[in-house]
């Protein structure tokens, strides 16, 4: 993802989730980034930009059973 895409997606997530505690960090691979909430990883965000006229983003969040039981 480009730095511009990261800023744009972060702004959207902060607005949509109602918090400024979202941080997005690049990964070694260029097709995704790590999304953090309050310094805890929330999930991975992938970009689908094969068609430059139809770019989309997919946020994958994993929730562990142990976190639900806590």
PDB file of N, CA and C in Angstrom:
ATOM      1  N   UNK A   1       0.839  -1.178   0.000  1.00  0.00           N
ATOM      2  CA  UNK A   1       0.000   0.000   0.000  1.00  0.00           C
ATOM      3  C   UNK A   1       0.882   1.238   0.000  1.00  0.00           C
ATOM      4  N   UNK A   2       0.413   2.257  -0.658  1.00  0.00           N
ATOM      5  CA  UNK A   2       1.153   3.512  -0.698  1.00  0.00           C
ATOM      6  C   UNK A   2       0.924   4.282   0.600  1.00  0.00           C
ATOM      7  N   UNK A   3       1.820   5.201   0.933  1.00  0.00           N
ATOM      8  CA  UNK A   3       1.601   6.041   2.125  1.00  0.00           C
ATOM      9  C   UNK A   3       0.275   6.807   2.055  1.00  0.00           C
ATOM     10  N   UNK A   4      -0.113   7.233   0.878  1.00  0.00           N
ATOM     11  CA  UNK A   4      -1.383   7.955   0.721  1.00  0.00           C
ATOM     12  C   UNK A   4      -2.568   7.048   1.019  1.00  0.00           C
ATOM     13  N   UNK A   5      -2.503   5.803   0.557  1.00  0.00           N
ATOM     14  CA  UNK A   5      -3.574   4.844   0.837  1.00  0.00           C
ATOM     15  C   UNK A   5      -3.661   4.573   2.332  1.00  0.00           C
ATOM     16  N   UNK A   6      -2.517   4.428   2.989  1.00  0.00           N
ATOM     17  CA  UNK A   6      -2.499   4.157   4.427  1.00  0.00           C
ATOM     18  C   UNK A   6      -3.161   5.298   5.187  1.00  0.00           C
ATOM     19  N   UNK A   7      -2.825   6.528   4.862  1.00  0.00           N
ATOM     20  CA  UNK A   7      -3.428   7.682   5.532  1.00  0.00           C
ATOM     21  C   UNK A   7      -4.929   7.725   5.283  1.00  0.00           C
ATOM     22  N   UNK A   8      -5.333   7.495   4.062  1.00  0.00           N
ATOM     23  CA  UNK A   8      -6.746   7.536   3.710  1.00  0.00           C
ATOM     24  C   UNK A   8      -7.540   6.458   4.449  1.00  0.00           C
ATOM     25  N   UNK A   9      -7.012   5.250   4.475  1.00  0.00           N
ATOM     26  CA  UNK A   9      -7.706   4.152   5.155  1.00  0.00           C
ATOM     27  C   UNK A   9      -7.725   4.389   6.661  1.00  0.00           C
ATOM     28  N   UNK A  10      -6.621   4.874   7.228  1.00  0.00           N
ATOM     29  CA  UNK A  10      -6.595   5.154   8.665  1.00  0.00           C
ATOM     30  C   UNK A  10      -7.644   6.204   9.025  1.00  0.00           C
ATOM     31  N   UNK A  11      -7.724   7.268   8.247  1.00  0.00           N
ATOM     32  CA  UNK A  11      -8.716   8.309   8.511  1.00  0.00           C
ATOM     33  C   UNK A  11     -10.133   7.742   8.447  1.00  0.00           C
ATOM     34  N   UNK A  12     -10.384   6.894   7.468  1.00  0.00           N
ATOM     35  CA  UNK A  12     -11.705   6.276   7.340  1.00  0.00           C
ATOM     36  C   UNK A  12     -12.015   5.415   8.568  1.00  0.00           C
ATOM     37  N   UNK A  13     -11.066   4.564   8.966  1.00  0.00           N
ATOM     38  CA  UNK A  13     -11.297   3.677  10.108  1.00  0.00           C
ATOM     39  C   UNK A  13     -11.500   4.472  11.400  1.00  0.00           C
ATOM     40  N   UNK A  14     -10.688   5.500  11.611  1.00  0.00           N
ATOM     41  CA  UNK A  14     -10.841   6.324  12.811  1.00  0.00           C
ATOM     42  C   UNK A  14     -12.214   6.971  12.853  1.00  0.00           C
ATOM     43  N   UNK A  15     -12.657   7.489  11.737  1.00  0.00           N
ATOM     44  CA  UNK A  15     -13.973   8.119  11.650  1.00  0.00           C
ATOM     45  C   UNK A  15     -15.081   7.084  11.852  1.00  0.00           C
ATOM     46  N   UNK A  16     -14.975   5.970  11.171  1.00  0.00           N
ATOM     47  CA  UNK A  16     -16.018   4.941  11.204  1.00  0.00           C
ATOM     48  C   UNK A  16     -16.122   4.278  12.574  1.00  0.00           C
ATOM     49  N   UNK A  17     -14.973   4.054  13.232  1.00  0.00           N
ATOM     50  CA  UNK A  17     -14.969   3.376  14.526  1.00  0.00           C
ATOM     51  C   UNK A  17     -15.034   4.353  15.701  1.00  0.00           C
ATOM     52  N   UNK A  18     -14.951   5.642  15.413  1.00  0.00           N
ATOM     53  CA  UNK A  18     -15.094   6.656  16.448  1.00  0.00           C
ATOM     54  C   UNK A  18     -13.930   6.729  17.416  1.00  0.00           C
ATOM     55  N   UNK A  19     -12.715   6.495  16.918  1.00  0.00           N
ATOM     56  CA  UNK A  19     -11.540   6.565  17.776  1.00  0.00           C
ATOM     57  C   UNK A  19     -10.330   6.992  16.967  1.00  0.00           C
ATOM     58  N   UNK A  20      -9.440   7.720  17.621  1.00  0.00           N
ATOM     59  CA  UNK A  20      -8.172   8.108  16.998  1.00  0.00           C
ATOM     60  C   UNK A  20      -7.064   7.121  17.368  1.00  0.00           C
ATOM     61  N   UNK A  21      -7.418   6.038  18.066  1.00  0.00           N
ATOM     62  CA  UNK A  21      -6.433   5.080  18.564  1.00  0.00           C
ATOM     63  C   UNK A  21      -6.031   4.034  17.524  1.00  0.00           C
ATOM     64  N   UNK A  22      -6.353   4.260  16.271  1.00  0.00           N
ATOM     65  CA  UNK A  22      -5.994   3.340  15.187  1.00  0.00           C
ATOM     66  C   UNK A  22      -4.616   3.716  14.650  1.00  0.00           C
ATOM     67  N   UNK A  23      -3.762   2.712  14.511  1.00  0.00           N
ATOM     68  CA  UNK A  23      -2.447   2.877  13.901  1.00  0.00           C
ATOM     69  C   UNK A  23      -2.309   1.845  12.807  1.00  0.00           C
ATOM     70  N   UNK A  24      -1.718   2.230  11.693  1.00  0.00           N
ATOM     71  CA  UNK A  24      -1.493   1.297  10.590  1.00  0.00           C
ATOM     72  C   UNK A  24       0.000   1.243  10.316  1.00  0.00           C
ATOM     73  N   UNK A  25       0.529   0.019  10.313  1.00  0.00           N
ATOM     74  CA  UNK A  25       1.962  -0.180  10.107  1.00  0.00           C
ATOM     75  C   UNK A  25       2.196  -1.031   8.865  1.00  0.00           C
ATOM     76  N   UNK A  26       3.112  -0.603   8.015  1.00  0.00           N
ATOM     77  CA  UNK A  26       3.435  -1.397   6.816  1.00  0.00           C
ATOM     78  C   UNK A  26       4.053  -2.740   7.192  1.00  0.00           C
ATOM     79  N   UNK A  27       3.919  -3.691   6.281  1.00  0.00           N
ATOM     80  CA  UNK A  27       4.546  -5.001   6.432  1.00  0.00           C
ATOM     81  C   UNK A  27       5.625  -5.134   5.360  1.00  0.00           C
ATOM     82  N   UNK A  28       6.353  -6.253   5.387  1.00  0.00           N
ATOM     83  CA  UNK A  28       7.375  -6.494   4.372  1.00  0.00           C
ATOM     84  C   UNK A  28       6.762  -6.750   3.003  1.00  0.00           C
ATOM     85  N   UNK A  29       5.531  -7.263   2.975  1.00  0.00           N
ATOM     86  CA  UNK A  29       4.825  -7.467   1.715  1.00  0.00           C
ATOM     87  C   UNK A  29       4.024  -6.212   1.408  1.00  0.00           C
ATOM     88  N   UNK A  30       3.887  -5.903   0.139  1.00  0.00           N
ATOM     89  CA  UNK A  30       3.267  -4.624  -0.233  1.00  0.00           C
ATOM     90  C   UNK A  30       1.753  -4.686  -0.365  1.00  0.00           C
ATOM     91  N   UNK A  31       1.161  -5.882  -0.278  1.00  0.00           N
ATOM     92  CA  UNK A  31      -0.278  -5.991  -0.500  1.00  0.00           C
ATOM     93  C   UNK A  31      -1.109  -5.835   0.767  1.00  0.00           C
ATOM     94  N   UNK A  32      -0.441  -5.641   1.924  1.00  0.00           N
ATOM     95  CA  UNK A  32      -1.201  -5.538   3.166  1.00  0.00           C
ATOM     96  C   UNK A  32      -0.434  -4.736   4.211  1.00  0.00           C
ATOM     97  N   UNK A  33      -1.178  -4.341   5.251  1.00  0.00           N
ATOM     98  CA  UNK A  33      -0.620  -3.619   6.390  1.00  0.00           C
ATOM     99  C   UNK A  33      -1.230  -4.198   7.665  1.00  0.00           C
ATOM    100  N   UNK A  34      -0.604  -3.905   8.806  1.00  0.00           N
ATOM    101  CA  UNK A  34      -1.143  -4.308  10.094  1.00  0.00           C
ATOM    102  C   UNK A  34      -1.934  -3.150  10.684  1.00  0.00           C
ATOM    103  N   UNK A  35      -3.104  -3.453  11.220  1.00  0.00           N
ATOM    104  CA  UNK A  35      -3.956  -2.441  11.844  1.00  0.00           C
ATOM    105  C   UNK A  35      -3.936  -2.675  13.354  1.00  0.00           C
ATOM    106  N   UNK A  36      -3.627  -1.620  14.100  1.00  0.00           N
ATOM    107  CA  UNK A  36      -3.551  -1.697  15.555  1.00  0.00           C
ATOM    108  C   UNK A  36      -4.608  -0.803  16.180  1.00  0.00           C
ATOM    109  N   UNK A  37      -5.097  -1.238  17.330  1.00  0.00           N
ATOM    110  CA  UNK A  37      -5.992  -0.434  18.154  1.00  0.00           C
ATOM    111  C   UNK A  37      -5.359  -0.366  19.537  1.00  0.00           C
ATOM    112  N   UNK A  38      -4.991   0.838  19.975  1.00  0.00           N
ATOM    113  CA  UNK A  38      -4.321   1.017  21.272  1.00  0.00           C
ATOM    114  C   UNK A  38      -3.095   0.122  21.394  1.00  0.00           C
ATOM    115  N   UNK A  39      -2.262   0.083  20.391  1.00  0.00           N
ATOM    116  CA  UNK A  39      -1.009  -0.679  20.373  1.00  0.00           C
ATOM    117  C   UNK A  39      -1.195  -2.192  20.418  1.00  0.00           C
ATOM    118  N   UNK A  40      -2.412  -2.681  20.198  1.00  0.00           N
ATOM    119  CA  UNK A  40      -2.662  -4.122  20.118  1.00  0.00           C
ATOM    120  C   UNK A  40      -3.140  -4.424  18.703  1.00  0.00           C
ATOM    121  N   UNK A  41      -2.548  -5.456  18.088  1.00  0.00           N
ATOM    122  CA  UNK A  41      -2.918  -5.745  16.708  1.00  0.00           C
ATOM    123  C   UNK A  41      -4.392  -6.114  16.631  1.00  0.00           C
ATOM    124  N   UNK A  42      -5.071  -5.479  15.706  1.00  0.00           N
ATOM    125  CA  UNK A  42      -6.489  -5.722  15.474  1.00  0.00           C
ATOM    126  C   UNK A  42      -6.674  -6.675  14.311  1.00  0.00           C
ATOM    127  N   UNK A  43      -5.855  -6.518  13.263  1.00  0.00           N
ATOM    128  CA  UNK A  43      -5.977  -7.397  12.106  1.00  0.00           C
ATOM    129  C   UNK A  43      -5.081  -6.947  10.972  1.00  0.00           C
ATOM    130  N   UNK A  44      -5.271  -7.605   9.846  1.00  0.00           N
ATOM    131  CA  UNK A  44      -4.527  -7.288   8.626  1.00  0.00           C
ATOM    132  C   UNK A  44      -5.474  -6.680   7.610  1.00  0.00           C
ATOM    133  N   UNK A  45      -4.997  -5.666   6.938  1.00  0.00           N
ATOM    134  CA  UNK A  45      -5.785  -4.996   5.911  1.00  0.00           C
ATOM    135  C   UNK A  45      -5.098  -5.209   4.567  1.00  0.00           C
ATOM    136  N   UNK A  46      -5.839  -5.790   3.633  1.00  0.00           N
ATOM    137  CA  UNK A  46      -5.321  -6.087   2.293  1.00  0.00           C
ATOM    138  C   UNK A  46      -5.915  -5.117   1.290  1.00  0.00           C
ATOM    139  N   UNK A  47      -5.135  -4.799   0.263  1.00  0.00           N
ATOM    140  CA  UNK A  47      -5.620  -3.942  -0.813  1.00  0.00           C
ATOM    141  C   UNK A  47      -5.738  -4.790  -2.084  1.00  0.00           C
ATOM    142  N   UNK A  48      -6.855  -4.616  -2.782  1.00  0.00           N
ATOM    143  CA  UNK A  48      -7.063  -5.252  -4.080  1.00  0.00           C
ATOM    144  C   UNK A  48      -7.073  -4.127  -5.104  1.00  0.00           C
ATOM    145  N   UNK A  49      -5.945  -3.976  -5.801  1.00  0.00           N
ATOM    146  CA  UNK A  49      -5.821  -2.875  -6.759  1.00  0.00           C
ATOM    147  C   UNK A  49      -5.433  -3.361  -8.147  1.00  0.00           C
ATOM    148  N   UNK A  50      -5.861  -4.582  -8.475  1.00  0.00           N
ATOM    149  CA  UNK A  50      -5.581  -5.102  -9.820  1.00  0.00           C
ATOM    150  C   UNK A  50      -6.196  -4.218 -10.890  1.00  0.00           C
ATOM    151  N   UNK A  51      -7.392  -3.732 -10.626  1.00  0.00           N
ATOM    152  CA  UNK A  51      -8.056  -2.799 -11.536  1.00  0.00           C
ATOM    153  C   UNK A  51      -7.967  -1.414 -10.904  1.00  0.00           C
ATOM    154  N   UNK A  52      -7.146  -0.513 -11.454  1.00  0.00           N
ATOM    155  CA  UNK A  52      -6.958   0.813 -10.835  1.00  0.00           C
ATOM    156  C   UNK A  52      -8.236   1.637 -10.707  1.00  0.00           C
ATOM    157  N   UNK A  53      -9.266   1.265 -11.449  1.00  0.00           N
ATOM    158  CA  UNK A  53     -10.541   1.983 -11.366  1.00  0.00           C
ATOM    159  C   UNK A  53     -11.480   1.375 -10.331  1.00  0.00           C
ATOM    160  N   UNK A  54     -11.064   0.262  -9.713  1.00  0.00           N
ATOM    161  CA  UNK A  54     -11.925  -0.435  -8.763  1.00  0.00           C
ATOM    162  C   UNK A  54     -11.087  -0.976  -7.604  1.00  0.00           C
ATOM    163  N   UNK A  55     -10.502  -0.093  -6.809  1.00  0.00           N
ATOM    164  CA  UNK A  55      -9.665  -0.477  -5.680  1.00  0.00           C
ATOM    165  C   UNK A  55     -10.563  -0.759  -4.473  1.00  0.00           C
ATOM    166  N   UNK A  56     -10.255  -1.835  -3.746  1.00  0.00           N
ATOM    167  CA  UNK A  56     -10.998  -2.138  -2.529  1.00  0.00           C
ATOM    168  C   UNK A  56     -10.037  -2.604  -1.448  1.00  0.00           C
ATOM    169  N   UNK A  57     -10.505  -2.551  -0.205  1.00  0.00           N
ATOM    170  CA  UNK A  57      -9.705  -2.911   0.955  1.00  0.00           C
ATOM    171  C   UNK A  57     -10.469  -3.944   1.761  1.00  0.00           C
ATOM    172  N   UNK A  58      -9.741  -4.921   2.309  1.00  0.00           N
ATOM    173  CA  UNK A  58     -10.352  -6.006   3.067  1.00  0.00           C
ATOM    174  C   UNK A  58      -9.659  -6.097   4.422  1.00  0.00           C
ATOM    175  N   UNK A  59     -10.398  -5.819   5.498  1.00  0.00           N
ATOM    176  CA  UNK A  59      -9.855  -5.881   6.851  1.00  0.00           C
ATOM    177  C   UNK A  59     -10.225  -7.227   7.454  1.00  0.00           C
ATOM    178  N   UNK A  60      -9.206  -8.034   7.778  1.00  0.00           N
ATOM    179  CA  UNK A  60      -9.403  -9.339   8.401  1.00  0.00           C
ATOM    180  C   UNK A  60      -9.057  -9.246   9.874  1.00  0.00           C
ATOM    181  N   UNK A  61     -10.052  -9.520  10.718  1.00  0.00           N
ATOM    182  CA  UNK A  61      -9.866  -9.485  12.167  1.00  0.00           C
ATOM    183  C   UNK A  61     -10.044 -10.893  12.697  1.00  0.00           C
ATOM    184  N   UNK A  62      -9.052 -11.374  13.451  1.00  0.00           N
ATOM    185  CA  UNK A  62      -9.155 -12.678  14.106  1.00  0.00           C
ATOM    186  C   UNK A  62      -9.467 -12.458  15.575  1.00  0.00           C
ATOM    187  N   UNK A  63     -10.445 -13.197  16.087  1.00  0.00           N
ATOM    188  CA  UNK A  63     -10.802 -13.123  17.495  1.00  0.00           C
ATOM    189  C   UNK A  63     -10.589 -14.501  18.092  1.00  0.00           C
ATOM    190  N   UNK A  64      -9.700 -14.576  19.087  1.00  0.00           N
ATOM    191  CA  UNK A  64      -9.396 -15.843  19.730  1.00  0.00           C
ATOM    192  C   UNK A  64     -10.426 -16.152  20.808  1.00  0.00           C
ATOM    193  N   UNK A  65     -10.793 -17.404  20.941  1.00  0.00           N
ATOM    194  CA  UNK A  65     -11.739 -17.816  21.969  1.00  0.00           C
ATOM    195  C   UNK A  65     -11.263 -17.411  23.356  1.00  0.00           C
ATOM    196  N   UNK A  66      -9.943 -17.525  23.599  1.00  0.00           N
ATOM    197  CA  UNK A  66      -9.397 -17.162  24.910  1.00  0.00           C
ATOM    198  C   UNK A  66      -9.624 -15.689  25.236  1.00  0.00           C
ATOM    199  N   UNK A  67      -9.674 -14.848  24.199  1.00  0.00           N
ATOM    200  CA  UNK A  67      -9.960 -13.439  24.434  1.00  0.00           C
ATOM    201  C   UNK A  67     -11.425 -13.231  24.826  1.00  0.00           C
ATOM    202  N   UNK A  68     -12.310 -14.048  24.275  1.00  0.00           N
ATOM    203  CA  UNK A  68     -13.726 -13.948  24.605  1.00  0.00           C
ATOM    204  C   UNK A  68     -13.997 -14.451  26.016  1.00  0.00           C
ATOM    205  N   UNK A  69     -13.221 -15.440  26.455  1.00  0.00           N
ATOM    206  CA  UNK A  69     -13.405 -16.022  27.784  1.00  0.00           C
ATOM    207  C   UNK A  69     -12.831 -15.151  28.890  1.00  0.00           C
ATOM    208  N   UNK A  70     -11.950 -14.218  28.507  1.00  0.00           N
ATOM    209  CA  UNK A  70     -11.273 -13.391  29.530  1.00  0.00           C
ATOM    210  C   UNK A  70     -12.210 -12.378  30.142  1.00  0.00           C
TER     211      UNK A  70
END
